[in-house]
Protein backbone atom coordinates (compact mmCIF):
# COMPACT_ATOMS: atom_id res chain seq x y z
CA MET A 1 12.02 8.41 -0.46
CA HIS A 2 9.46 8.90 -3.20
CA THR A 3 9.23 12.36 -4.69
CA THR A 4 5.53 12.34 -5.58
CA THR A 5 2.65 10.91 -3.63
CA PRO A 6 1.34 7.79 -5.38
CA THR A 7 -2.37 7.54 -6.11
CA ALA A 8 -4.52 4.58 -5.12
CA ALA A 9 -4.26 3.34 -8.72
CA ASP A 10 -0.46 3.59 -8.56
CA LEU A 11 -0.40 1.59 -5.33
CA ARG A 12 -2.76 -1.07 -6.71
CA ALA A 13 -0.52 -1.44 -9.76
CA GLU A 14 2.61 -1.66 -7.63
CA ILE A 15 1.06 -4.28 -5.35
CA ALA A 16 0.06 -6.35 -8.39
CA ARG A 17 3.46 -5.88 -10.03
CA ARG A 18 5.20 -7.17 -6.90
CA ARG A 19 2.60 -9.94 -6.46
CA GLN A 20 1.94 -8.98 -2.86
CA LYS A 21 -1.11 -9.92 -0.83
CA LEU A 22 -3.10 -7.28 1.05
CA TYR A 23 -3.26 -9.47 4.15
CA VAL A 24 0.54 -9.42 4.28
CA ILE A 25 0.94 -5.68 3.65
CA ALA A 26 -1.95 -4.47 5.85
CA PRO A 27 -0.41 -5.27 9.27
CA ARG A 28 2.82 -3.52 8.25
CA VAL A 29 0.77 -0.44 7.37
CA GLY A 30 -1.31 -0.63 10.54
CA LEU A 31 -4.65 -1.33 8.84
CA HIS A 32 -7.03 -4.25 8.64
CA PRO A 33 -6.89 -5.84 5.17
CA ASN A 34 -10.50 -4.79 4.51
CA ASN A 35 -9.71 -1.16 5.31
CA LEU A 36 -6.61 -1.24 3.12
CA SER A 37 -8.74 -2.63 0.31
CA LEU A 38 -11.27 0.18 0.74
CA VAL A 39 -8.47 2.76 0.54
CA LEU A 40 -7.04 1.18 -2.60
CA GLN A 41 -10.51 1.08 -4.19
CA GLU A 42 -10.87 4.80 -3.39
CA HIS A 43 -13.82 4.26 -1.05
CA ARG A 44 -11.77 5.69 1.82
CA PRO A 45 -9.34 8.62 1.62
CA LEU A 46 -5.68 8.01 0.84
CA THR A 47 -3.55 10.50 2.75
CA PRO A 48 0.03 11.22 1.70
CA GLU A 49 1.23 9.69 4.99
CA LEU A 50 -0.72 6.48 4.37
CA ALA A 51 0.55 6.27 0.79
CA GLU A 52 4.11 6.55 2.08
CA ARG A 53 3.48 3.85 4.73
CA ILE A 54 2.13 1.53 2.04
CA MET A 55 5.15 2.12 -0.20
CA ARG A 56 7.50 1.48 2.73
CA ALA A 57 5.65 -1.75 3.56
CA LEU A 58 5.98 -2.87 -0.06
CA ASP A 59 9.69 -2.07 -0.05
CA GLU A 60 10.21 -3.99 3.22
CA GLU A 61 8.23 -6.98 1.98
CA THR A 62 10.17 -7.07 -1.28
CA ARG A 63 13.51 -6.96 0.55
CA SER A 64 12.52 -9.74 2.95
CA ALA A 65 11.23 -12.05 0.19
């Protein structure tokens, strides 16, 4: 597991680094792609639990690719 909670900026950078699409990650997180985008743009709150779910979804997507 991750030791510190990533910020929205950290998650945006990680998504870009891994060349992932929000419409692929969003269902794994349990959000609509528009809502995930709002969270990553800091228009909606990013809870530690949601940040962890996003990181897990990125890890799963990277492993399955």
